[in-house]
Amino acid sequence: MKEKKGISMVALVITIAVIIIISSTAIFEYKNVIEKARKRDLATDFYAMQQAIDDYEFIHGSLPLSSEVYISVPAVASEQFASEPGYSTGKLDVYYVDYNKLNTEKLARGMQQNGIDDRYVYSKWTDKLYYLQGETVGGTTYYTLNNELYSLLEIRTVK
């Protein structure tokens, strides 16, 4: 009898199965890395805007706000607005942030680009900043810098 040389069908199927498992794990991990990077980018924008507001208030003794506005609470973000006094009525009493008073040209969000109501608003009652349009990352829409986003920031303090 002649000896057969080459790869058996079983070895080939096992090799392909291992490659599929490894590649699917890599794709899943890649999606997690991308989602975390988008959250970190969002948190950085929220934090930078809040810092610009705080800096302005420290220097000028007032907040860089323009007109007062009442906004409807988005149903999907109820927990993010729950600390606001007007939350129970569904209308929040907030103020538009006056960008002309701030150095915020490097932010990717809230700069009223493309004719969209892409703005930040500020609550004097809770000292919270909100992004009106919201940003959806991984199935969650974020309107403010919550604990989850804050934990992604790499804040260095001067000692």
C-alpha atoms as a PDB file:
ATOM      1  CA  MET A   1       0.000   0.000   0.000  1.00  0.00           C
ATOM      2  CA  LYS A   2       1.127   3.490  -0.895  1.00  0.00           C
ATOM      3  CA  GLU A   3       1.618   6.014   1.946  1.00  0.00           C
ATOM      4  CA  LYS A   4      -0.438   9.223   1.558  1.00  0.00           C
ATOM      5  CA  LYS A   5       1.302  12.534   2.143  1.00  0.00           C
ATOM      6  CA  GLY A   6      -0.357  15.855   3.008  1.00  0.00           C
ATOM      7  CA  ILE A   7      -2.772  17.384   5.493  1.00  0.00           C
ATOM      8  CA  SER A   8      -5.705  15.355   6.658  1.00  0.00           C
ATOM      9  CA  MET A   9      -9.196  16.823   6.428  1.00  0.00           C
ATOM     10  CA  VAL A  10      -9.558  16.747  10.235  1.00  0.00           C
ATOM     11  CA  ALA A  11      -6.385  18.768  10.746  1.00  0.00           C
ATOM     12  CA  LEU A  12      -7.549  21.296   8.153  1.00  0.00           C
ATOM     13  CA  VAL A  13     -10.989  21.726   9.791  1.00  0.00           C
ATOM     14  CA  ILE A  14      -9.437  22.144  13.250  1.00  0.00           C
ATOM     15  CA  THR A  15      -6.981  24.754  11.937  1.00  0.00           C
ATOM     16  CA  ILE A  16      -9.780  26.735  10.278  1.00  0.00           C
ATOM     17  CA  ALA A  17     -11.891  26.566  13.450  1.00  0.00           C
ATOM     18  CA  VAL A  18      -8.998  27.899  15.551  1.00  0.00           C
ATOM     19  CA  ILE A  19      -8.431  30.743  13.081  1.00  0.00           C
ATOM     20  CA  ILE A  20     -12.132  31.677  13.203  1.00  0.00           C
ATOM     21  CA  ILE A  21     -12.163  31.690  17.011  1.00  0.00           C
ATOM     22  CA  ILE A  22      -9.040  33.855  17.225  1.00  0.00           C
ATOM     23  CA  SER A  23     -10.269  36.332  14.598  1.00  0.00           C
ATOM     24  CA  SER A  24     -13.723  36.688  16.181  1.00  0.00           C
ATOM     25  CA  THR A  25     -12.100  37.392  19.548  1.00  0.00           C
ATOM     26  CA  ALA A  26      -9.857  39.993  17.944  1.00  0.00           C
ATOM     27  CA  ILE A  27     -12.813  41.691  16.218  1.00  0.00           C
ATOM     28  CA  PHE A  28     -14.796  41.806  19.482  1.00  0.00           C
ATOM     29  CA  GLU A  29     -11.815  43.273  21.332  1.00  0.00           C
ATOM     30  CA  TYR A  30     -11.287  45.826  18.555  1.00  0.00           C
ATOM     31  CA  LYS A  31     -14.900  47.008  18.919  1.00  0.00           C
ATOM     32  CA  ASN A  32     -14.384  47.432  22.678  1.00  0.00           C
ATOM     33  CA  VAL A  33     -11.215  49.460  22.134  1.00  0.00           C
ATOM     34  CA  ILE A  34     -12.954  51.717  19.589  1.00  0.00           C
ATOM     35  CA  GLU A  35     -15.945  52.231  21.903  1.00  0.00           C
ATOM     36  CA  LYS A  36     -13.706  53.095  24.843  1.00  0.00           C
ATOM     37  CA  ALA A  37     -11.735  55.561  22.692  1.00  0.00           C
ATOM     38  CA  ARG A  38     -14.975  57.276  21.577  1.00  0.00           C
ATOM     39  CA  LYS A  39     -16.122  57.526  25.204  1.00  0.00           C
ATOM     40  CA  ARG A  40     -12.750  58.964  26.242  1.00  0.00           C
ATOM     41  CA  ASP A  41     -12.945  61.521  23.415  1.00  0.00           C
ATOM     42  CA  LEU A  42     -16.443  62.521  24.501  1.00  0.00           C
ATOM     43  CA  ALA A  43     -15.380  62.764  28.146  1.00  0.00           C
ATOM     44  CA  THR A  44     -12.416  64.926  27.146  1.00  0.00           C
ATOM     45  CA  ASP A  45     -14.698  67.357  25.297  1.00  0.00           C
ATOM     46  CA  PHE A  46     -17.165  67.532  28.186  1.00  0.00           C
ATOM     47  CA  TYR A  47     -14.337  68.064  30.667  1.00  0.00           C
ATOM     48  CA  ALA A  48     -12.605  70.712  28.520  1.00  0.00           C
ATOM     49  CA  MET A  49     -15.828  72.713  28.196  1.00  0.00           C
ATOM     50  CA  GLN A  50     -16.481  72.461  31.940  1.00  0.00           C
ATOM     51  CA  GLN A  51     -12.914  73.613  32.658  1.00  0.00           C
ATOM     52  CA  ALA A  52     -13.304  76.556  30.253  1.00  0.00           C
ATOM     53  CA  ILE A  53     -16.481  77.603  32.081  1.00  0.00           C
ATOM     54  CA  ASP A  54     -14.819  77.230  35.491  1.00  0.00           C
ATOM     55  CA  ASP A  55     -11.760  79.209  34.349  1.00  0.00           C
ATOM     56  CA  TYR A  56     -13.935  81.994  32.957  1.00  0.00           C
ATOM     57  CA  GLU A  57     -15.920  82.189  36.191  1.00  0.00           C
ATOM     58  CA  PHE A  58     -12.707  82.314  38.245  1.00  0.00           C
ATOM     59  CA  ILE A  59     -11.233  85.142  36.156  1.00  0.00           C
ATOM     60  CA  HIS A  60     -14.349  87.226  35.504  1.00  0.00           C
ATOM     61  CA  GLY A  61     -16.518  86.432  38.536  1.00  0.00           C
ATOM     62  CA  SER A  62     -19.485  85.405  36.385  1.00  0.00           C
ATOM     63  CA  LEU A  63     -20.518  82.493  34.219  1.00  0.00           C
ATOM     64  CA  PRO A  64     -20.123  82.716  30.408  1.00  0.00           C
ATOM     65  CA  LEU A  65     -23.822  82.219  29.745  1.00  0.00           C
ATOM     66  CA  SER A  66     -26.231  83.832  27.332  1.00  0.00           C
ATOM     67  CA  SER A  67     -29.993  83.436  27.222  1.00  0.00           C
ATOM     68  CA  GLU A  68     -32.065  81.339  29.562  1.00  0.00           C
ATOM     69  CA  VAL A  69     -33.923  78.521  27.849  1.00  0.00           C
ATOM     70  CA  TYR A  70     -36.325  75.784  28.873  1.00  0.00           C
ATOM     71  CA  ILE A  71     -35.589  72.417  27.306  1.00  0.00           C
ATOM     72  CA  SER A  72     -37.544  69.187  27.275  1.00  0.00           C
ATOM     73  CA  VAL A  73     -35.867  66.258  28.975  1.00  0.00           C
ATOM     74  CA  PRO A  74     -35.029  63.514  26.472  1.00  0.00           C
ATOM     75  CA  ALA A  75     -36.812  60.328  27.571  1.00  0.00           C
ATOM     76  CA  VAL A  76     -33.723  58.191  26.974  1.00  0.00           C
ATOM     77  CA  ALA A  77     -31.578  60.271  29.323  1.00  0.00           C
ATOM     78  CA  SER A  78     -33.804  60.580  32.348  1.00  0.00           C
ATOM     79  CA  GLU A  79     -31.154  59.398  34.830  1.00  0.00           C
ATOM     80  CA  GLN A  80     -28.655  61.967  33.548  1.00  0.00           C
ATOM     81  CA  PHE A  81     -31.068  64.849  34.216  1.00  0.00           C
ATOM     82  CA  ALA A  82     -32.633  63.494  37.429  1.00  0.00           C
ATOM     83  CA  SER A  83     -30.756  65.908  39.725  1.00  0.00           C
ATOM     84  CA  GLU A  84     -32.247  68.967  37.992  1.00  0.00           C
ATOM     85  CA  PRO A  85     -35.084  70.859  39.733  1.00  0.00           C
ATOM     86  CA  GLY A  86     -37.339  70.848  36.643  1.00  0.00           C
ATOM     87  CA  TYR A  87     -36.871  67.152  35.953  1.00  0.00           C
ATOM     88  CA  SER A  88     -40.245  66.095  37.397  1.00  0.00           C
ATOM     89  CA  THR A  89     -42.095  68.450  35.035  1.00  0.00           C
ATOM     90  CA  GLY A  90     -40.025  67.422  32.010  1.00  0.00           C
ATOM     91  CA  LYS A  91     -38.706  70.975  31.449  1.00  0.00           C
ATOM     92  CA  LEU A  92     -35.267  72.096  32.538  1.00  0.00           C
ATOM     93  CA  ASP A  93     -34.352  75.714  33.237  1.00  0.00           C
ATOM     94  CA  VAL A  94     -30.855  76.063  31.762  1.00  0.00           C
ATOM     95  CA  TYR A  95     -28.698  78.642  29.996  1.00  0.00           C
ATOM     96  CA  TYR A  96     -26.901  78.497  26.672  1.00  0.00           C
ATOM     97  CA  VAL A  97     -23.119  78.675  26.998  1.00  0.00           C
ATOM     98  CA  ASP A  98     -21.744  81.791  25.271  1.00  0.00           C
ATOM     99  CA  TYR A  99     -18.884  80.412  23.163  1.00  0.00           C
ATOM    100  CA  ASN A 100     -17.669  83.890  22.247  1.00  0.00           C
ATOM    101  CA  LYS A 101     -16.430  84.308  25.810  1.00  0.00           C
ATOM    102  CA  LEU A 102     -14.547  81.004  25.886  1.00  0.00           C
ATOM    103  CA  ASN A 103     -11.469  79.599  24.181  1.00  0.00           C
ATOM    104  CA  THR A 104     -13.143  76.445  22.855  1.00  0.00           C
ATOM    105  CA  GLU A 105     -12.348  76.303  19.148  1.00  0.00           C
ATOM    106  CA  LYS A 106     -10.671  72.892  19.466  1.00  0.00           C
ATOM    107  CA  LEU A 107     -13.777  71.048  20.663  1.00  0.00           C
ATOM    108  CA  ALA A 108     -15.431  68.563  18.332  1.00  0.00           C
ATOM    109  CA  ARG A 109     -18.905  68.993  19.809  1.00  0.00           C
ATOM    110  CA  GLY A 110     -21.180  71.835  20.787  1.00  0.00           C
ATOM    111  CA  MET A 111     -19.879  74.380  18.324  1.00  0.00           C
ATOM    112  CA  GLN A 112     -23.161  74.784  16.389  1.00  0.00           C
ATOM    113  CA  GLN A 113     -21.713  73.322  13.218  1.00  0.00           C
ATOM    114  CA  ASN A 114     -23.709  72.322  10.139  1.00  0.00           C
ATOM    115  CA  GLY A 115     -26.847  74.165  11.244  1.00  0.00           C
ATOM    116  CA  ILE A 116     -27.668  71.579  13.914  1.00  0.00           C
ATOM    117  CA  ASP A 117     -28.739  72.616  17.418  1.00  0.00           C
ATOM    118  CA  ASP A 118     -25.373  71.373  18.577  1.00  0.00           C
ATOM    119  CA  ARG A 119     -24.941  73.338  21.803  1.00  0.00           C
ATOM    120  CA  TYR A 120     -23.941  73.074  25.390  1.00  0.00           C
ATOM    121  CA  VAL A 121     -26.256  74.324  28.114  1.00  0.00           C
ATOM    122  CA  TYR A 122     -25.456  74.970  31.760  1.00  0.00           C
ATOM    123  CA  SER A 123     -27.593  74.568  34.849  1.00  0.00           C
ATOM    124  CA  LYS A 124     -27.011  77.202  37.513  1.00  0.00           C
ATOM    125  CA  TRP A 125     -28.939  75.042  39.979  1.00  0.00           C
ATOM    126  CA  THR A 126     -26.661  72.006  39.849  1.00  0.00           C
ATOM    127  CA  ASP A 127     -23.552  73.515  38.165  1.00  0.00           C
ATOM    128  CA  LYS A 128     -23.803  70.837  35.492  1.00  0.00           C
ATOM    129  CA  LEU A 129     -22.982  71.135  31.841  1.00  0.00           C
ATOM    130  CA  TYR A 130     -25.181  69.312  29.314  1.00  0.00           C
ATOM    131  CA  TYR A 131     -24.670  68.593  25.640  1.00  0.00           C
ATOM    132  CA  LEU A 132     -28.110  69.103  24.072  1.00  0.00           C
ATOM    133  CA  GLN A 133     -27.653  66.850  21.069  1.00  0.00           C
ATOM    134  CA  GLY A 134     -26.247  63.974  23.092  1.00  0.00           C
ATOM    135  CA  GLU A 135     -23.738  61.469  21.783  1.00  0.00           C
ATOM    136  CA  THR A 136     -24.538  57.786  21.427  1.00  0.00           C
ATOM    137  CA  VAL A 137     -21.682  55.390  22.084  1.00  0.00           C
ATOM    138  CA  GLY A 138     -22.244  51.666  22.444  1.00  0.00           C
ATOM    139  CA  GLY A 139     -26.007  51.980  22.731  1.00  0.00           C
ATOM    140  CA  THR A 140     -25.944  54.651  25.465  1.00  0.00           C
ATOM    141  CA  THR A 141     -26.615  58.334  24.789  1.00  0.00           C
ATOM    142  CA  TYR A 142     -24.525  60.674  26.915  1.00  0.00           C
ATOM    143  CA  TYR A 143     -25.585  64.253  27.697  1.00  0.00           C
ATOM    144  CA  THR A 144     -23.228  65.091  30.545  1.00  0.00           C
ATOM    145  CA  LEU A 145     -19.968  64.005  32.144  1.00  0.00           C
ATOM    146  CA  ASN A 146     -21.167  61.161  34.342  1.00  0.00           C
ATOM    147  CA  ASN A 147     -19.061  58.910  36.590  1.00  0.00           C
ATOM    148  CA  GLU A 148     -18.499  56.340  33.836  1.00  0.00           C
ATOM    149  CA  LEU A 149     -17.051  58.927  31.446  1.00  0.00           C
ATOM    150  CA  TYR A 150     -15.124  60.741  34.185  1.00  0.00           C
ATOM    151  CA  SER A 151     -13.325  57.504  35.106  1.00  0.00           C
ATOM    152  CA  LEU A 152     -11.882  57.359  31.558  1.00  0.00           C
ATOM    153  CA  LEU A 153     -10.167  60.736  31.848  1.00  0.00           C
ATOM    154  CA  GLU A 154      -6.464  60.872  32.520  1.00  0.00           C
ATOM    155  CA  ILE A 155      -6.271  63.962  34.680  1.00  0.00           C
ATOM    156  CA  ARG A 156      -2.846  64.981  35.852  1.00  0.00           C
ATOM    157  CA  THR A 157      -2.588  67.260  38.825  1.00  0.00           C
ATOM    158  CA  VAL A 158       0.313  69.504  39.721  1.00  0.00           C
ATOM    159  CA  LYS A 159       1.967  68.597  43.029  1.00  0.00           C
END
